Structures are given as structure tokens and as C-alpha cells.
Amino acid sequence: ENRRKLPWRGDPPPWDTAGDKRTESRQQSAAKGMRTLSSFFKPKASSEPSPKRQKTSKGHATPISTLKEAEKAEEKSFEISPYHTWVSEIMLQQTRVDTVIRYFPKFLAEFPTVEALAAASTDDVHRVWEGLGYYRRARLLQQGAAFVVSNFKGQIPATSVASLLKIPGIGQYTAGAIASIAGNQRAALVDGNVTRVFHVFGLF
């Protein structure tokens, strides 16, 4: 099948992060041969450099190798479900697919169900979301999860666009995505790009 392998489409890992590789290649090409005067005065690196480290939410430094191992442990196949589709669609708003591929498994490892997300603290949600930006999306996603638990007994109404639109943070496009992808409904997904094309041809 000639399409990208993505976790929210039910594909098993490894997922297609070709975009990351292309970006990295461009950056490496641009950096080649660019030698500045300051490069001549850089101190000589130690023959045994210490491993790169990254601070955790508690402020302690964790080796990058350990973090990568943790990420690999979270790599698994995800079923196509209303909740998974909802999370992926919100993450993909104004964020590159390659970035979302890295955050999607981590988010679901912390909040595997809509009930878990609804019960979590805002600080925990922000902590897992950190790096994706536009935190309002995370807040609305959690508010929506709480609404689903309170009004739909924890079951996302994937077969009804009208019901999906009642959930905070879900607009026409996201409702159509959930209904068509996870609910197997004939629901339209019309975003700004599609609307502009229709305008060009006088169809809107």
C-alpha cells in the first residue's frame, strides 16, 4: 500500500518518519563547508565526552540513551478507534506529522482511555503535551474527555457527527474525521485548503 505508515492508522512500527530524514539531510547539506572564524577558536573536545543528558519533569538529568529505550518500549500497534483518531486529529492541528508520530504513543501510554484523560490533572496533561505547543488544544482535549465521560458514559459517539459536535474542542472537520475513520460513516472532511479549491472553481 503506497502510503505512510502511521500509528493512528493502525500500522505497526516502525512508522514512516521520512519527513524527519529529509529535513535532517537538508540541514546537513546546508551546514557542509560552512566554516566560520569562530570555528578556529573552539576548544578541543575531550576524547571521552560525557553522554548527552536531558532533564526530566522532576529536574533530574536522564541519559538520552535511556530516553530512547523508553520510547522504543512504547512503540506498539494502535487500533483505529474513536479516541485514537480524536487524539491524532487534535495533535495534527498546526503540527507536522513527523512530530506527532513521536508524541502520539507517549500520550496514549499516559492516557490510554478517554476516562484516564478525563481523570488526569491539567499539569500531567501539559507535561506529556510539552513540546507540541498550542496548549489550548490539550486543555480542550481534556475538557472534551470529561464531557464524554459525563454525557456519553465514556463512549465517544463516532457514528453521529451531530453528537460529536457537542463535545468541547471538536469542530466540523474533527467530527467528520472521527465519524469517517473510526465510525465508518460517510462524513465530509472539509478544511481550509479544500474550501479554497472550491472557491477557485466557483463551487463554494
N, C-alpha and C. Protein backbone atom coordinates (compact mmCIF):
# COMPACT_ATOMS: atom_id res chain seq x y z
N GLU A 1 0.85 -1.18 0.00
CA GLU A 1 0.00 0.00 0.00
C GLU A 1 0.90 1.24 0.00
N ASN A 2 0.70 2.12 -0.97
CA ASN A 2 1.59 3.26 -1.16
C ASN A 2 1.14 4.46 -0.33
N ARG A 3 1.34 4.37 0.96
CA ARG A 3 1.06 5.49 1.85
C ARG A 3 1.97 5.38 3.07
N ARG A 4 2.04 6.48 3.83
CA ARG A 4 2.89 6.49 5.02
C ARG A 4 2.33 5.57 6.09
N LYS A 5 3.23 4.90 6.79
CA LYS A 5 2.83 4.07 7.93
C LYS A 5 2.74 4.98 9.16
N LEU A 6 1.53 5.06 9.72
CA LEU A 6 1.29 5.96 10.85
C LEU A 6 0.60 5.21 11.98
N PRO A 7 0.92 5.52 13.24
CA PRO A 7 0.36 4.77 14.37
C PRO A 7 -1.14 4.88 14.49
N TRP A 8 -1.72 6.06 14.21
CA TRP A 8 -3.17 6.23 14.37
C TRP A 8 -3.96 5.61 13.23
N ARG A 9 -3.25 5.09 12.23
CA ARG A 9 -3.93 4.35 11.16
C ARG A 9 -3.91 2.85 11.41
N GLY A 10 -3.42 2.46 12.59
CA GLY A 10 -3.38 1.05 12.93
C GLY A 10 -2.17 0.32 12.39
N ASP A 11 -1.20 1.06 11.85
CA ASP A 11 0.00 0.44 11.30
C ASP A 11 0.96 0.04 12.43
N PRO A 12 1.64 -1.11 12.29
CA PRO A 12 2.64 -1.50 13.29
C PRO A 12 3.92 -0.69 13.09
N PRO A 13 4.72 -0.51 14.15
CA PRO A 13 6.00 0.17 13.99
C PRO A 13 6.99 -0.70 13.22
N PRO A 14 8.04 -0.16 12.61
CA PRO A 14 8.41 1.27 12.66
C PRO A 14 7.54 2.10 11.75
N TRP A 15 7.26 3.34 12.18
CA TRP A 15 6.41 4.23 11.39
C TRP A 15 7.26 5.10 10.48
N ASP A 16 6.62 5.67 9.48
CA ASP A 16 7.32 6.42 8.44
C ASP A 16 7.62 7.84 8.91
N THR A 17 8.87 8.11 9.22
CA THR A 17 9.29 9.46 9.60
C THR A 17 10.21 10.01 8.53
N ALA A 18 9.86 9.74 7.27
CA ALA A 18 10.70 10.18 6.15
C ALA A 18 10.89 11.69 6.15
N GLY A 19 9.88 12.41 6.60
CA GLY A 19 9.98 13.86 6.64
C GLY A 19 11.12 14.31 7.53
N ASP A 20 11.30 13.63 8.67
CA ASP A 20 12.40 13.96 9.56
C ASP A 20 13.73 13.76 8.89
N LYS A 21 13.85 12.64 8.14
CA LYS A 21 15.11 12.32 7.48
C LYS A 21 15.42 13.33 6.39
N ARG A 22 14.38 13.75 5.66
CA ARG A 22 14.59 14.74 4.60
C ARG A 22 15.06 16.07 5.20
N THR A 23 14.42 16.47 6.32
CA THR A 23 14.80 17.72 6.97
C THR A 23 16.23 17.66 7.48
N GLU A 24 16.58 16.54 8.10
CA GLU A 24 17.93 16.36 8.62
C GLU A 24 18.95 16.40 7.49
N SER A 25 18.62 15.78 6.35
CA SER A 25 19.53 15.77 5.21
C SER A 25 19.76 17.18 4.67
N ARG A 26 18.67 17.96 4.60
CA ARG A 26 18.80 19.33 4.11
C ARG A 26 19.68 20.17 5.04
N GLN A 27 19.47 19.95 6.37
CA GLN A 27 20.26 20.71 7.33
C GLN A 27 21.73 20.35 7.25
N GLN A 28 22.02 19.05 7.05
CA GLN A 28 23.41 18.62 6.94
C GLN A 28 24.05 19.19 5.68
N SER A 29 23.29 19.21 4.57
CA SER A 29 23.82 19.74 3.32
C SER A 29 24.12 21.23 3.43
N ALA A 30 23.22 21.95 4.12
CA ALA A 30 23.41 23.38 4.28
C ALA A 30 24.61 23.71 5.15
N ALA A 31 24.88 22.81 6.11
CA ALA A 31 25.98 23.05 7.05
C ALA A 31 27.34 22.69 6.46
N LYS A 32 27.36 21.86 5.39
CA LYS A 32 28.62 21.41 4.81
C LYS A 32 29.40 22.60 4.24
N GLY A 33 30.67 22.62 4.56
CA GLY A 33 31.54 23.64 4.01
C GLY A 33 31.40 25.01 4.63
N MET A 34 30.45 25.18 5.56
CA MET A 34 30.25 26.49 6.18
C MET A 34 31.15 26.60 7.39
N ARG A 35 32.32 27.10 7.20
CA ARG A 35 33.27 27.25 8.29
C ARG A 35 33.37 28.73 8.65
N THR A 36 33.11 29.04 9.89
CA THR A 36 33.19 30.43 10.34
C THR A 36 34.48 30.64 11.10
N LEU A 37 34.84 31.92 11.30
CA LEU A 37 36.07 32.26 12.01
C LEU A 37 36.06 31.68 13.42
N SER A 38 34.87 31.66 14.04
CA SER A 38 34.78 31.17 15.42
C SER A 38 35.13 29.70 15.52
N SER A 39 34.96 28.94 14.41
CA SER A 39 35.24 27.51 14.47
C SER A 39 36.72 27.22 14.73
N PHE A 40 37.60 28.21 14.38
CA PHE A 40 39.04 28.01 14.59
C PHE A 40 39.44 28.17 16.06
N PHE A 41 38.55 28.78 16.84
CA PHE A 41 38.88 29.07 18.23
C PHE A 41 38.10 28.22 19.22
N LYS A 42 37.39 27.22 18.72
CA LYS A 42 36.64 26.32 19.61
C LYS A 42 37.62 25.47 20.40
N PRO A 43 37.37 25.28 21.70
CA PRO A 43 38.27 24.43 22.49
C PRO A 43 38.21 23.00 22.02
N LYS A 44 39.33 22.31 22.14
CA LYS A 44 39.41 20.92 21.72
C LYS A 44 38.51 20.05 22.58
N ALA A 45 37.73 19.22 21.93
CA ALA A 45 36.79 18.38 22.67
C ALA A 45 37.54 17.28 23.40
N SER A 46 36.98 16.86 24.53
CA SER A 46 37.58 15.78 25.30
C SER A 46 37.49 14.49 24.52
N SER A 47 38.47 13.63 24.71
CA SER A 47 38.47 12.35 23.99
C SER A 47 37.38 11.42 24.50
N GLU A 48 36.87 11.68 25.70
CA GLU A 48 35.81 10.87 26.26
C GLU A 48 34.68 11.78 26.72
N PRO A 49 33.88 12.26 25.76
CA PRO A 49 32.80 13.19 26.13
C PRO A 49 31.75 12.49 26.96
N SER A 50 31.17 13.26 27.89
CA SER A 50 30.10 12.69 28.71
C SER A 50 28.86 12.55 27.87
N PRO A 51 28.01 11.56 28.15
CA PRO A 51 26.80 11.36 27.35
C PRO A 51 25.85 12.53 27.48
N LYS A 52 25.15 12.82 26.36
CA LYS A 52 24.16 13.89 26.40
C LYS A 52 23.07 13.52 27.39
N ARG A 53 22.57 14.56 28.08
CA ARG A 53 21.56 14.29 29.09
C ARG A 53 20.41 15.26 28.90
N GLN A 54 19.28 14.88 29.37
CA GLN A 54 18.08 15.71 29.23
C GLN A 54 17.34 15.71 30.55
N LYS A 55 16.89 16.89 30.96
CA LYS A 55 16.21 16.98 32.24
C LYS A 55 14.80 16.39 32.17
N THR A 56 14.42 15.70 33.23
CA THR A 56 13.07 15.17 33.31
C THR A 56 12.19 16.22 33.97
N SER A 57 10.89 15.90 34.11
CA SER A 57 9.95 16.84 34.72
C SER A 57 10.32 17.12 36.17
N LYS A 58 11.07 16.21 36.83
CA LYS A 58 11.44 16.41 38.23
C LYS A 58 12.78 17.15 38.36
N GLY A 59 13.38 17.50 37.22
CA GLY A 59 14.60 18.26 37.27
C GLY A 59 15.86 17.43 37.24
N HIS A 60 15.75 16.11 37.33
CA HIS A 60 16.91 15.25 37.30
C HIS A 60 17.31 14.98 35.85
N ALA A 61 18.60 14.83 35.63
CA ALA A 61 19.08 14.56 34.27
C ALA A 61 19.01 13.08 33.98
N THR A 62 18.51 12.76 32.78
CA THR A 62 18.40 11.36 32.36
C THR A 62 19.17 11.17 31.07
N PRO A 63 20.02 10.16 30.97
CA PRO A 63 20.77 9.94 29.73
C PRO A 63 19.85 9.79 28.54
N ILE A 64 20.26 10.37 27.40
CA ILE A 64 19.46 10.29 26.18
C ILE A 64 19.22 8.84 25.78
N SER A 65 20.22 7.99 25.98
CA SER A 65 20.08 6.58 25.61
C SER A 65 18.93 5.94 26.37
N THR A 66 18.78 6.31 27.65
CA THR A 66 17.68 5.76 28.46
C THR A 66 16.35 6.24 27.93
N LEU A 67 16.30 7.51 27.53
CA LEU A 67 15.05 8.06 27.00
C LEU A 67 14.66 7.34 25.71
N LYS A 68 15.65 7.05 24.87
CA LYS A 68 15.36 6.36 23.61
C LYS A 68 14.84 4.95 23.87
N GLU A 69 15.39 4.30 24.90
CA GLU A 69 14.92 2.96 25.25
C GLU A 69 13.47 3.01 25.71
N ALA A 70 13.13 4.06 26.47
CA ALA A 70 11.76 4.20 26.94
C ALA A 70 10.81 4.43 25.77
N GLU A 71 11.27 5.22 24.79
CA GLU A 71 10.44 5.48 23.62
C GLU A 71 10.19 4.20 22.83
N LYS A 72 11.24 3.38 22.71
CA LYS A 72 11.09 2.12 21.97
C LYS A 72 10.10 1.20 22.67
N ALA A 73 10.11 1.24 24.00
CA ALA A 73 9.20 0.37 24.76
C ALA A 73 7.75 0.75 24.52
N GLU A 74 7.53 2.03 24.17
CA GLU A 74 6.16 2.49 23.96
C GLU A 74 5.69 2.22 22.53
N GLU A 75 6.58 1.80 21.66
CA GLU A 75 6.20 1.57 20.28
C GLU A 75 5.41 0.27 20.16
N LYS A 76 4.19 0.38 19.78
CA LYS A 76 3.34 -0.78 19.60
C LYS A 76 2.26 -0.41 18.59
N SER A 77 1.51 -1.40 18.17
CA SER A 77 0.44 -1.12 17.22
C SER A 77 -0.76 -0.53 17.97
N PHE A 78 -1.41 0.43 17.35
CA PHE A 78 -2.60 1.04 17.93
C PHE A 78 -3.79 0.76 17.01
N GLU A 79 -4.88 0.35 17.62
CA GLU A 79 -6.08 0.09 16.81
C GLU A 79 -6.71 1.41 16.39
N ILE A 80 -7.44 1.35 15.29
CA ILE A 80 -8.19 2.54 14.86
C ILE A 80 -9.43 2.62 15.73
N SER A 81 -9.50 3.64 16.54
CA SER A 81 -10.63 3.81 17.46
C SER A 81 -11.04 5.28 17.48
N PRO A 82 -12.25 5.59 17.94
CA PRO A 82 -12.66 7.00 18.02
C PRO A 82 -11.72 7.84 18.87
N TYR A 83 -11.27 7.29 20.00
CA TYR A 83 -10.37 8.03 20.89
C TYR A 83 -9.02 8.28 20.23
N HIS A 84 -8.43 7.26 19.64
CA HIS A 84 -7.14 7.41 18.98
C HIS A 84 -7.23 8.39 17.82
N THR A 85 -8.30 8.30 17.06
CA THR A 85 -8.48 9.22 15.93
C THR A 85 -8.63 10.65 16.42
N TRP A 86 -9.38 10.83 17.48
CA TRP A 86 -9.59 12.15 18.07
C TRP A 86 -8.27 12.76 18.53
N VAL A 87 -7.49 12.00 19.29
CA VAL A 87 -6.20 12.48 19.80
C VAL A 87 -5.28 12.86 18.63
N SER A 88 -5.21 12.00 17.62
CA SER A 88 -4.31 12.27 16.50
C SER A 88 -4.74 13.52 15.73
N GLU A 89 -6.04 13.69 15.53
CA GLU A 89 -6.52 14.86 14.78
C GLU A 89 -6.22 16.16 15.53
N ILE A 90 -6.37 16.15 16.85
CA ILE A 90 -6.07 17.36 17.62
C ILE A 90 -4.58 17.65 17.60
N MET A 91 -3.77 16.61 17.74
CA MET A 91 -2.31 16.80 17.70
C MET A 91 -1.85 17.32 16.34
N LEU A 92 -2.50 16.88 15.28
CA LEU A 92 -2.08 17.24 13.92
C LEU A 92 -2.47 18.66 13.52
N GLN A 93 -3.24 19.33 14.36
CA GLN A 93 -3.60 20.71 14.06
C GLN A 93 -2.36 21.59 14.23
N GLN A 94 -1.90 22.18 13.16
CA GLN A 94 -0.75 23.10 13.15
C GLN A 94 0.54 22.43 13.63
N THR A 95 0.65 21.11 13.49
CA THR A 95 1.86 20.39 13.89
C THR A 95 2.20 19.36 12.82
N ARG A 96 3.48 19.22 12.51
CA ARG A 96 3.93 18.29 11.48
C ARG A 96 3.67 16.84 11.87
N VAL A 97 3.39 16.02 10.86
CA VAL A 97 3.14 14.59 11.08
C VAL A 97 4.32 13.93 11.77
N ASP A 98 5.54 14.26 11.35
CA ASP A 98 6.73 13.65 11.92
C ASP A 98 6.83 13.90 13.42
N THR A 99 6.42 15.09 13.85
CA THR A 99 6.44 15.42 15.27
C THR A 99 5.38 14.63 16.02
N VAL A 100 4.18 14.56 15.45
CA VAL A 100 3.08 13.86 16.10
C VAL A 100 3.38 12.37 16.25
N ILE A 101 4.08 11.79 15.30
CA ILE A 101 4.44 10.36 15.39
C ILE A 101 5.21 10.09 16.68
N ARG A 102 6.03 11.05 17.10
CA ARG A 102 6.82 10.85 18.32
C ARG A 102 5.97 11.04 19.58
N TYR A 103 5.00 11.94 19.54
CA TYR A 103 4.23 12.26 20.73
C TYR A 103 2.99 11.38 20.93
N PHE A 104 2.43 10.90 19.86
CA PHE A 104 1.19 10.12 19.93
C PHE A 104 1.32 8.88 20.84
N PRO A 105 2.36 8.04 20.67
CA PRO A 105 2.49 6.86 21.54
C PRO A 105 2.70 7.23 23.01
N LYS A 106 3.47 8.29 23.26
CA LYS A 106 3.73 8.71 24.63
C LYS A 106 2.45 9.18 25.31
N PHE A 107 1.63 9.93 24.57
CA PHE A 107 0.39 10.44 25.14
C PHE A 107 -0.55 9.29 25.50
N LEU A 108 -0.66 8.32 24.61
CA LEU A 108 -1.56 7.19 24.87
C LEU A 108 -1.00 6.24 25.93
N ALA A 109 0.32 6.24 26.10
CA ALA A 109 0.90 5.44 27.18
C ALA A 109 0.50 6.02 28.53
N GLU A 110 0.38 7.34 28.60
CA GLU A 110 -0.02 8.01 29.84
C GLU A 110 -1.54 8.02 30.02
N PHE A 111 -2.26 8.22 28.92
CA PHE A 111 -3.72 8.32 28.97
C PHE A 111 -4.33 7.36 27.95
N PRO A 112 -4.35 6.08 28.26
CA PRO A 112 -4.79 5.07 27.28
C PRO A 112 -6.27 5.09 26.94
N THR A 113 -7.08 5.70 27.79
CA THR A 113 -8.53 5.74 27.55
C THR A 113 -9.04 7.15 27.77
N VAL A 114 -10.24 7.39 27.30
CA VAL A 114 -10.85 8.71 27.49
C VAL A 114 -11.11 8.96 28.98
N GLU A 115 -11.39 7.89 29.73
CA GLU A 115 -11.59 8.04 31.17
C GLU A 115 -10.30 8.45 31.87
N ALA A 116 -9.18 7.87 31.44
CA ALA A 116 -7.88 8.21 32.04
C ALA A 116 -7.53 9.67 31.78
N LEU A 117 -7.82 10.15 30.58
CA LEU A 117 -7.54 11.55 30.24
C LEU A 117 -8.43 12.49 31.05
N ALA A 118 -9.70 12.12 31.20
CA ALA A 118 -10.64 12.96 31.94
C ALA A 118 -10.25 13.06 33.41
N ALA A 119 -9.69 12.00 33.97
CA ALA A 119 -9.35 11.96 35.39
C ALA A 119 -7.99 12.57 35.70
N ALA A 120 -7.18 12.82 34.68
CA ALA A 120 -5.83 13.34 34.89
C ALA A 120 -5.85 14.80 35.31
N SER A 121 -4.78 15.23 35.93
CA SER A 121 -4.66 16.65 36.30
C SER A 121 -4.20 17.43 35.07
N THR A 122 -4.53 18.70 35.05
CA THR A 122 -4.11 19.55 33.93
C THR A 122 -2.59 19.61 33.83
N ASP A 123 -1.92 19.61 34.97
CA ASP A 123 -0.46 19.64 34.97
C ASP A 123 0.13 18.41 34.30
N ASP A 124 -0.47 17.23 34.57
CA ASP A 124 0.02 16.00 33.96
C ASP A 124 -0.20 16.02 32.45
N VAL A 125 -1.35 16.52 32.02
CA VAL A 125 -1.64 16.60 30.59
C VAL A 125 -0.65 17.54 29.90
N HIS A 126 -0.39 18.68 30.54
CA HIS A 126 0.57 19.64 29.97
C HIS A 126 1.98 19.05 29.93
N ARG A 127 2.32 18.27 30.95
CA ARG A 127 3.66 17.67 31.00
C ARG A 127 3.87 16.72 29.81
N VAL A 128 2.88 15.90 29.51
CA VAL A 128 3.00 14.95 28.40
C VAL A 128 2.92 15.68 27.06
N TRP A 129 2.17 16.77 27.03
CA TRP A 129 1.98 17.54 25.79
C TRP A 129 3.18 18.43 25.49
N GLU A 130 4.02 18.66 26.49
CA GLU A 130 5.12 19.61 26.36
C GLU A 130 5.98 19.32 25.13
N GLY A 131 6.16 20.35 24.32
CA GLY A 131 6.93 20.21 23.08
C GLY A 131 6.05 20.30 21.85
N LEU A 132 4.75 20.02 22.01
CA LEU A 132 3.83 20.12 20.87
C LEU A 132 3.33 21.55 20.67
N GLY A 133 3.35 22.33 21.76
CA GLY A 133 2.89 23.71 21.66
C GLY A 133 1.37 23.82 21.59
N TYR A 134 0.90 25.07 21.50
CA TYR A 134 -0.55 25.33 21.43
C TYR A 134 -1.29 24.52 22.51
N TYR A 135 -0.99 24.84 23.77
CA TYR A 135 -1.51 24.06 24.89
C TYR A 135 -3.03 24.12 25.01
N ARG A 136 -3.64 25.08 24.37
CA ARG A 136 -5.10 25.16 24.40
C ARG A 136 -5.71 23.89 23.82
N ARG A 137 -5.04 23.29 22.85
CA ARG A 137 -5.54 22.04 22.27
C ARG A 137 -5.60 20.94 23.33
N ALA A 138 -4.57 20.88 24.17
CA ALA A 138 -4.53 19.85 25.22
C ALA A 138 -5.63 20.09 26.24
N ARG A 139 -5.85 21.35 26.61
CA ARG A 139 -6.89 21.67 27.59
C ARG A 139 -8.27 21.33 27.05
N LEU A 140 -8.51 21.67 25.78
CA LEU A 140 -9.81 21.36 25.18
C LEU A 140 -10.01 19.85 25.02
N LEU A 141 -8.92 19.14 24.72
CA LEU A 141 -8.99 17.69 24.58
C LEU A 141 -9.41 17.07 25.92
N GLN A 142 -8.83 17.56 27.00
CA GLN A 142 -9.19 17.03 28.32
C GLN A 142 -10.62 17.42 28.70
N GLN A 143 -11.01 18.64 28.40
CA GLN A 143 -12.38 19.07 28.66
C GLN A 143 -13.37 18.21 27.88
N GLY A 144 -13.00 17.92 26.64
CA GLY A 144 -13.85 17.07 25.82
C GLY A 144 -13.96 15.67 26.39
N ALA A 145 -12.85 15.14 26.90
CA ALA A 145 -12.86 13.80 27.51
C ALA A 145 -13.78 13.78 28.72
N ALA A 146 -13.72 14.83 29.55
CA ALA A 146 -14.59 14.92 30.72
C ALA A 146 -16.06 14.97 30.29
N PHE A 147 -16.33 15.69 29.20
CA PHE A 147 -17.69 15.79 28.68
C PHE A 147 -18.20 14.42 28.22
N VAL A 148 -17.34 13.68 27.54
CA VAL A 148 -17.71 12.34 27.05
C VAL A 148 -18.03 11.41 28.21
N VAL A 149 -17.22 11.48 29.26
CA VAL A 149 -17.44 10.64 30.43
C VAL A 149 -18.76 11.01 31.11
N SER A 150 -19.04 12.30 31.22
CA SER A 150 -20.24 12.76 31.93
C SER A 150 -21.52 12.59 31.11
N ASN A 151 -21.43 12.79 29.80
CA ASN A 151 -22.63 12.83 28.97
C ASN A 151 -22.83 11.61 28.07
N PHE A 152 -21.75 10.88 27.78
CA PHE A 152 -21.87 9.73 26.89
C PHE A 152 -21.35 8.44 27.55
N LYS A 153 -21.26 8.46 28.88
CA LYS A 153 -20.80 7.29 29.64
C LYS A 153 -19.45 6.76 29.14
N GLY A 154 -18.59 7.69 28.73
CA GLY A 154 -17.25 7.31 28.31
C GLY A 154 -17.15 6.77 26.90
N GLN A 155 -18.27 6.74 26.17
CA GLN A 155 -18.28 6.21 24.81
C GLN A 155 -18.37 7.37 23.81
N ILE A 156 -17.34 7.54 23.00
CA ILE A 156 -17.34 8.61 22.00
C ILE A 156 -18.34 8.26 20.90
N PRO A 157 -19.33 9.13 20.63
CA PRO A 157 -20.37 8.82 19.63
C PRO A 157 -19.86 8.93 18.20
N ALA A 158 -19.06 7.97 17.79
CA ALA A 158 -18.37 8.05 16.50
C ALA A 158 -19.29 7.95 15.29
N THR A 159 -20.49 7.47 15.46
CA THR A 159 -21.39 7.31 14.31
C THR A 159 -22.32 8.50 14.11
N SER A 160 -22.17 9.53 14.93
CA SER A 160 -23.06 10.69 14.84
C SER A 160 -22.25 11.98 14.86
N VAL A 161 -22.18 12.64 13.72
CA VAL A 161 -21.46 13.92 13.64
C VAL A 161 -22.13 14.95 14.54
N ALA A 162 -23.45 14.95 14.58
CA ALA A 162 -24.19 15.91 15.41
C ALA A 162 -23.82 15.76 16.88
N SER A 163 -23.69 14.52 17.33
CA SER A 163 -23.33 14.28 18.74
C SER A 163 -21.86 14.65 18.99
N LEU A 164 -21.00 14.36 18.03
CA LEU A 164 -19.58 14.70 18.18
C LEU A 164 -19.39 16.21 18.29
N LEU A 165 -20.21 16.97 17.59
CA LEU A 165 -20.08 18.43 17.61
C LEU A 165 -20.47 19.04 18.95
N LYS A 166 -21.11 18.27 19.80
CA LYS A 166 -21.47 18.75 21.14
C LYS A 166 -20.27 18.71 22.09
N ILE A 167 -19.25 17.96 21.73
CA ILE A 167 -18.08 17.78 22.59
C ILE A 167 -17.16 18.99 22.47
N PRO A 168 -16.77 19.60 23.60
CA PRO A 168 -15.86 20.76 23.55
C PRO A 168 -14.57 20.43 22.80
N GLY A 169 -14.18 21.35 21.92
CA GLY A 169 -12.93 21.17 21.18
C GLY A 169 -13.06 20.42 19.87
N ILE A 170 -14.24 19.86 19.60
CA ILE A 170 -14.45 19.15 18.34
C ILE A 170 -15.27 20.02 17.39
N GLY A 171 -14.66 20.36 16.26
CA GLY A 171 -15.35 21.15 15.25
C GLY A 171 -15.80 20.26 14.10
N GLN A 172 -16.26 20.89 13.02
CA GLN A 172 -16.82 20.15 11.89
C GLN A 172 -15.81 19.19 11.27
N TYR A 173 -14.57 19.66 11.09
CA TYR A 173 -13.56 18.81 10.44
C TYR A 173 -13.22 17.60 11.32
N THR A 174 -12.96 17.84 12.60
CA THR A 174 -12.58 16.75 13.51
C THR A 174 -13.73 15.76 13.67
N ALA A 175 -14.95 16.28 13.74
CA ALA A 175 -16.12 15.40 13.84
C ALA A 175 -16.22 14.51 12.61
N GLY A 176 -15.98 15.10 11.43
CA GLY A 176 -16.03 14.32 10.19
C GLY A 176 -14.93 13.28 10.15
N ALA A 177 -13.75 13.62 10.67
CA ALA A 177 -12.62 12.68 10.68
C ALA A 177 -12.93 11.49 11.57
N ILE A 178 -13.43 11.75 12.76
CA ILE A 178 -13.75 10.67 13.70
C ILE A 178 -14.85 9.77 13.14
N ALA A 179 -15.89 10.41 12.59
CA ALA A 179 -17.02 9.64 12.07
C ALA A 179 -16.63 8.79 10.86
N SER A 180 -15.82 9.33 9.97
CA SER A 180 -15.46 8.60 8.75
C SER A 180 -14.38 7.55 9.00
N ILE A 181 -13.37 7.91 9.80
CA ILE A 181 -12.24 6.99 10.03
C ILE A 181 -12.59 5.91 11.04
N ALA A 182 -13.16 6.32 12.18
CA ALA A 182 -13.42 5.36 13.25
C ALA A 182 -14.86 4.87 13.30
N GLY A 183 -15.77 5.68 12.76
CA GLY A 183 -17.18 5.30 12.81
C GLY A 183 -17.71 4.71 11.51
N ASN A 184 -16.84 4.69 10.48
CA ASN A 184 -17.22 4.12 9.17
C ASN A 184 -18.47 4.79 8.59
N GLN A 185 -18.55 6.10 8.77
CA GLN A 185 -19.68 6.87 8.27
C GLN A 185 -19.27 7.69 7.06
N ARG A 186 -20.25 8.02 6.22
CA ARG A 186 -19.98 8.88 5.06
C ARG A 186 -20.05 10.33 5.53
N ALA A 187 -18.96 10.78 6.13
CA ALA A 187 -18.90 12.14 6.68
C ALA A 187 -17.81 12.93 5.97
N ALA A 188 -18.11 14.17 5.66
CA ALA A 188 -17.16 15.00 4.91
C ALA A 188 -16.09 15.59 5.82
N LEU A 189 -14.87 15.68 5.27
CA LEU A 189 -13.76 16.34 5.96
C LEU A 189 -13.36 17.53 5.09
N VAL A 190 -13.85 18.69 5.43
CA VAL A 190 -13.58 19.88 4.62
C VAL A 190 -12.77 20.87 5.44
N ASP A 191 -11.50 21.05 5.07
CA ASP A 191 -10.67 22.02 5.77
C ASP A 191 -10.47 23.26 4.91
N GLY A 192 -9.63 24.17 5.36
CA GLY A 192 -9.43 25.42 4.66
C GLY A 192 -8.88 25.24 3.26
N ASN A 193 -8.01 24.25 3.06
CA ASN A 193 -7.43 24.01 1.74
C ASN A 193 -8.49 23.56 0.74
N VAL A 194 -9.37 22.67 1.16
CA VAL A 194 -10.45 22.20 0.29
C VAL A 194 -11.39 23.35 -0.05
N THR A 195 -11.70 24.17 0.95
CA THR A 195 -12.59 25.31 0.72
C THR A 195 -12.01 26.26 -0.32
N ARG A 196 -10.68 26.51 -0.24
CA ARG A 196 -10.04 27.41 -1.21
C ARG A 196 -10.12 26.85 -2.62
N VAL A 197 -9.95 25.54 -2.76
CA VAL A 197 -10.05 24.91 -4.09
C VAL A 197 -11.46 25.08 -4.64
N PHE A 198 -12.47 24.87 -3.78
CA PHE A 198 -13.86 25.03 -4.21
C PHE A 198 -14.12 26.47 -4.66
N HIS A 199 -13.53 27.44 -3.93
CA HIS A 199 -13.71 28.84 -4.31
C HIS A 199 -13.10 29.13 -5.67
N VAL A 200 -11.93 28.54 -5.94
CA VAL A 200 -11.26 28.76 -7.23
C VAL A 200 -12.15 28.32 -8.39
N PHE A 201 -12.85 27.20 -8.20
CA PHE A 201 -13.70 26.67 -9.26
C PHE A 201 -15.15 27.14 -9.15
N GLY A 202 -15.39 28.09 -8.25
CA GLY A 202 -16.73 28.66 -8.09
C GLY A 202 -17.73 27.67 -7.56
N LEU A 203 -17.28 26.70 -6.76
CA LEU A 203 -18.19 25.68 -6.24
C LEU A 203 -18.66 25.96 -4.82
N PHE A 204 -18.16 27.04 -4.25
CA PHE A 204 -18.49 27.35 -2.86
C PHE A 204 -18.96 28.77 -2.74
